[in-house]
């Protein structure tokens, strides 16, 4: 996730409580989705879709935070 922004992700994980919370929740959801796909976790299709949607929403929010960080740093250094 966010392979092209690893430096920004590292910074935000250290500096932003919101980003840390989103990242941790996304990681937990990713594990649950993987477990469901492997059959290690019993879950109905509707619940699995909810997990996937929440995971995607978290990823979108983290992408917004990364974009905001980049905008603010480009503005500050220009």
N, C-alpha and C. Protein backbone atom coordinates (compact mmCIF):
# COMPACT_ATOMS: atom_id res chain seq x y z
N UNK A 1 0.84 -1.19 0.00
CA UNK A 1 0.00 0.00 0.00
C UNK A 1 0.88 1.25 0.00
N UNK A 2 0.60 2.15 -0.90
CA UNK A 2 1.32 3.41 -1.02
C UNK A 2 2.82 3.20 -1.20
N UNK A 3 3.19 2.23 -2.02
CA UNK A 3 4.60 1.93 -2.25
C UNK A 3 5.39 3.14 -2.71
N UNK A 4 4.77 3.98 -3.51
CA UNK A 4 5.45 5.15 -4.07
C UNK A 4 5.57 6.29 -3.07
N UNK A 5 4.94 6.18 -1.91
CA UNK A 5 4.95 7.25 -0.91
C UNK A 5 5.49 6.76 0.44
N UNK A 6 6.40 5.81 0.44
CA UNK A 6 6.86 5.23 1.69
C UNK A 6 7.47 6.25 2.66
N UNK A 7 8.19 7.21 2.14
CA UNK A 7 8.79 8.23 3.03
C UNK A 7 7.71 9.06 3.71
N UNK A 8 6.68 9.43 2.97
CA UNK A 8 5.58 10.22 3.54
C UNK A 8 4.82 9.37 4.56
N UNK A 9 4.57 8.11 4.22
CA UNK A 9 3.87 7.20 5.13
C UNK A 9 4.65 7.07 6.43
N UNK A 10 5.96 6.88 6.34
CA UNK A 10 6.80 6.78 7.55
C UNK A 10 6.66 8.03 8.41
N UNK A 11 6.73 9.18 7.76
CA UNK A 11 6.61 10.44 8.49
C UNK A 11 5.25 10.55 9.17
N UNK A 12 4.19 10.28 8.43
CA UNK A 12 2.84 10.41 8.98
C UNK A 12 2.58 9.39 10.09
N UNK A 13 3.15 8.21 9.98
CA UNK A 13 2.99 7.21 11.06
C UNK A 13 3.63 7.69 12.34
N UNK A 14 4.67 8.49 12.24
CA UNK A 14 5.33 9.03 13.42
C UNK A 14 4.68 10.32 13.92
N UNK A 15 4.12 11.09 12.99
CA UNK A 15 3.69 12.45 13.31
C UNK A 15 2.18 12.63 13.46
N UNK A 16 1.38 11.75 12.87
CA UNK A 16 -0.07 11.97 12.84
C UNK A 16 -0.82 10.84 13.54
N UNK A 17 -1.46 11.18 14.61
CA UNK A 17 -2.26 10.18 15.34
C UNK A 17 -3.41 9.69 14.46
N UNK A 18 -4.01 10.59 13.70
CA UNK A 18 -5.11 10.20 12.81
C UNK A 18 -4.62 9.18 11.78
N UNK A 19 -3.46 9.47 11.16
CA UNK A 19 -2.93 8.55 10.15
C UNK A 19 -2.59 7.21 10.79
N UNK A 20 -2.01 7.22 11.98
CA UNK A 20 -1.69 5.97 12.69
C UNK A 20 -2.95 5.14 12.92
N UNK A 21 -4.01 5.81 13.36
CA UNK A 21 -5.27 5.12 13.64
C UNK A 21 -5.85 4.51 12.36
N UNK A 22 -5.86 5.29 11.29
CA UNK A 22 -6.37 4.80 10.01
C UNK A 22 -5.53 3.63 9.49
N UNK A 23 -4.23 3.76 9.58
CA UNK A 23 -3.31 2.73 9.10
C UNK A 23 -3.50 1.42 9.87
N UNK A 24 -3.59 1.52 11.21
CA UNK A 24 -3.78 0.32 12.03
C UNK A 24 -5.12 -0.36 11.74
N UNK A 25 -6.17 0.44 11.62
CA UNK A 25 -7.50 -0.13 11.31
C UNK A 25 -7.49 -0.78 9.93
N UNK A 26 -6.87 -0.13 8.96
CA UNK A 26 -6.78 -0.70 7.62
C UNK A 26 -6.04 -2.03 7.65
N UNK A 27 -4.95 -2.07 8.40
CA UNK A 27 -4.17 -3.31 8.50
C UNK A 27 -5.00 -4.45 9.09
N UNK A 28 -5.76 -4.15 10.16
CA UNK A 28 -6.61 -5.17 10.78
C UNK A 28 -7.69 -5.66 9.80
N UNK A 29 -8.30 -4.74 9.08
CA UNK A 29 -9.32 -5.12 8.11
C UNK A 29 -8.73 -5.94 6.97
N UNK A 30 -7.54 -5.56 6.53
CA UNK A 30 -6.88 -6.31 5.47
C UNK A 30 -6.64 -7.76 5.92
N UNK A 31 -6.21 -7.94 7.16
CA UNK A 31 -6.00 -9.29 7.68
C UNK A 31 -7.31 -10.07 7.73
N UNK A 32 -8.39 -9.42 8.16
CA UNK A 32 -9.69 -10.09 8.24
C UNK A 32 -10.18 -10.51 6.85
N UNK A 33 -10.01 -9.64 5.87
CA UNK A 33 -10.43 -9.95 4.50
C UNK A 33 -9.62 -11.13 3.98
N UNK A 34 -8.32 -11.11 4.21
CA UNK A 34 -7.47 -12.22 3.76
C UNK A 34 -7.88 -13.53 4.44
N UNK A 35 -8.16 -13.47 5.75
CA UNK A 35 -8.60 -14.66 6.47
C UNK A 35 -9.91 -15.20 5.90
N UNK A 36 -10.81 -14.31 5.57
CA UNK A 36 -12.10 -14.72 5.00
C UNK A 36 -11.90 -15.39 3.64
N UNK A 37 -11.02 -14.83 2.83
CA UNK A 37 -10.75 -15.41 1.51
C UNK A 37 -10.09 -16.78 1.62
N UNK A 38 -9.26 -16.97 2.62
CA UNK A 38 -8.61 -18.27 2.82
C UNK A 38 -9.55 -19.29 3.46
N UNK A 39 -10.66 -18.81 4.02
CA UNK A 39 -11.59 -19.70 4.71
C UNK A 39 -11.27 -19.87 6.18
N UNK A 40 -10.32 -19.07 6.68
CA UNK A 40 -9.94 -19.14 8.09
C UNK A 40 -10.93 -18.41 9.00
N UNK A 41 -11.79 -17.61 8.40
CA UNK A 41 -12.77 -16.84 9.17
C UNK A 41 -14.13 -17.03 8.51
N UNK A 42 -15.12 -17.39 9.29
CA UNK A 42 -16.46 -17.56 8.77
C UNK A 42 -17.16 -16.20 8.75
N UNK A 43 -17.59 -15.81 7.57
CA UNK A 43 -18.24 -14.51 7.41
C UNK A 43 -19.14 -14.60 6.19
N UNK A 44 -20.30 -13.98 6.26
CA UNK A 44 -21.19 -14.00 5.10
C UNK A 44 -20.74 -12.95 4.08
N UNK A 45 -21.24 -13.07 2.87
CA UNK A 45 -20.80 -12.19 1.78
C UNK A 45 -21.10 -10.72 2.07
N UNK A 46 -22.23 -10.45 2.68
CA UNK A 46 -22.61 -9.07 2.99
C UNK A 46 -21.62 -8.46 3.98
N UNK A 47 -21.27 -9.19 5.01
CA UNK A 47 -20.32 -8.68 6.01
C UNK A 47 -18.94 -8.50 5.40
N UNK A 48 -18.54 -9.42 4.53
CA UNK A 48 -17.25 -9.30 3.86
C UNK A 48 -17.21 -8.05 2.99
N UNK A 49 -18.28 -7.78 2.28
CA UNK A 49 -18.34 -6.58 1.45
C UNK A 49 -18.25 -5.31 2.30
N UNK A 50 -18.88 -5.32 3.47
CA UNK A 50 -18.78 -4.17 4.37
C UNK A 50 -17.34 -3.95 4.81
N UNK A 51 -16.63 -5.05 5.14
CA UNK A 51 -15.22 -4.94 5.54
C UNK A 51 -14.40 -4.33 4.40
N UNK A 52 -14.64 -4.82 3.19
CA UNK A 52 -13.89 -4.33 2.04
C UNK A 52 -14.17 -2.85 1.78
N UNK A 53 -15.43 -2.44 1.92
CA UNK A 53 -15.77 -1.04 1.71
C UNK A 53 -15.12 -0.15 2.77
N UNK A 54 -15.16 -0.59 4.02
CA UNK A 54 -14.53 0.19 5.08
C UNK A 54 -13.03 0.30 4.84
N UNK A 55 -12.42 -0.81 4.44
CA UNK A 55 -10.98 -0.83 4.15
C UNK A 55 -10.65 0.16 3.04
N UNK A 56 -11.45 0.19 2.00
CA UNK A 56 -11.25 1.12 0.90
C UNK A 56 -11.43 2.58 1.34
N UNK A 57 -12.43 2.83 2.18
CA UNK A 57 -12.64 4.19 2.69
C UNK A 57 -11.44 4.66 3.51
N UNK A 58 -10.89 3.75 4.31
CA UNK A 58 -9.71 4.09 5.10
C UNK A 58 -8.52 4.40 4.20
N UNK A 59 -8.35 3.59 3.17
CA UNK A 59 -7.25 3.81 2.23
C UNK A 59 -7.42 5.16 1.52
N UNK A 60 -8.64 5.47 1.13
CA UNK A 60 -8.91 6.77 0.49
C UNK A 60 -8.58 7.92 1.43
N UNK A 61 -8.95 7.79 2.69
CA UNK A 61 -8.67 8.86 3.67
C UNK A 61 -7.16 9.01 3.88
N UNK A 62 -6.45 7.88 3.95
CA UNK A 62 -4.99 7.96 4.09
C UNK A 62 -4.38 8.61 2.84
N UNK A 63 -4.90 8.30 1.67
CA UNK A 63 -4.41 8.93 0.44
C UNK A 63 -4.63 10.44 0.47
N UNK A 64 -5.77 10.87 1.03
CA UNK A 64 -6.03 12.30 1.19
C UNK A 64 -5.00 12.95 2.11
N UNK A 65 -4.69 12.28 3.21
CA UNK A 65 -3.71 12.82 4.15
C UNK A 65 -2.33 12.91 3.51
N UNK A 66 -1.97 11.91 2.72
CA UNK A 66 -0.69 11.92 2.01
C UNK A 66 -0.66 13.07 1.02
N UNK A 67 -1.74 13.24 0.27
CA UNK A 67 -1.81 14.33 -0.71
C UNK A 67 -1.73 15.69 -0.02
N UNK A 68 -2.40 15.84 1.11
CA UNK A 68 -2.33 17.10 1.86
C UNK A 68 -0.92 17.36 2.35
N UNK A 69 -0.25 16.33 2.83
CA UNK A 69 1.13 16.47 3.29
C UNK A 69 2.01 16.94 2.13
N UNK A 70 1.85 16.30 0.97
CA UNK A 70 2.66 16.67 -0.20
C UNK A 70 2.37 18.12 -0.63
N UNK A 71 1.10 18.50 -0.65
CA UNK A 71 0.75 19.88 -1.03
C UNK A 71 1.37 20.88 -0.08
N UNK A 72 1.27 20.62 1.22
CA UNK A 72 1.82 21.54 2.22
C UNK A 72 3.33 21.62 2.14
N UNK A 73 3.99 20.52 1.88
CA UNK A 73 5.46 20.54 1.80
C UNK A 73 5.94 21.18 0.51
N UNK A 74 5.23 21.00 -0.58
CA UNK A 74 5.62 21.64 -1.83
C UNK A 74 5.42 23.15 -1.70
N UNK A 75 4.30 23.55 -1.06
CA UNK A 75 4.03 24.98 -0.87
C UNK A 75 5.07 25.61 0.02
N UNK A 76 5.50 24.90 1.07
CA UNK A 76 6.46 25.44 2.02
C UNK A 76 7.84 25.58 1.41
N UNK A 77 8.21 24.66 0.51
CA UNK A 77 9.56 24.69 -0.04
C UNK A 77 9.65 25.50 -1.33
N UNK A 78 8.51 25.91 -1.90
CA UNK A 78 8.52 26.67 -3.15
C UNK A 78 8.75 28.14 -2.91
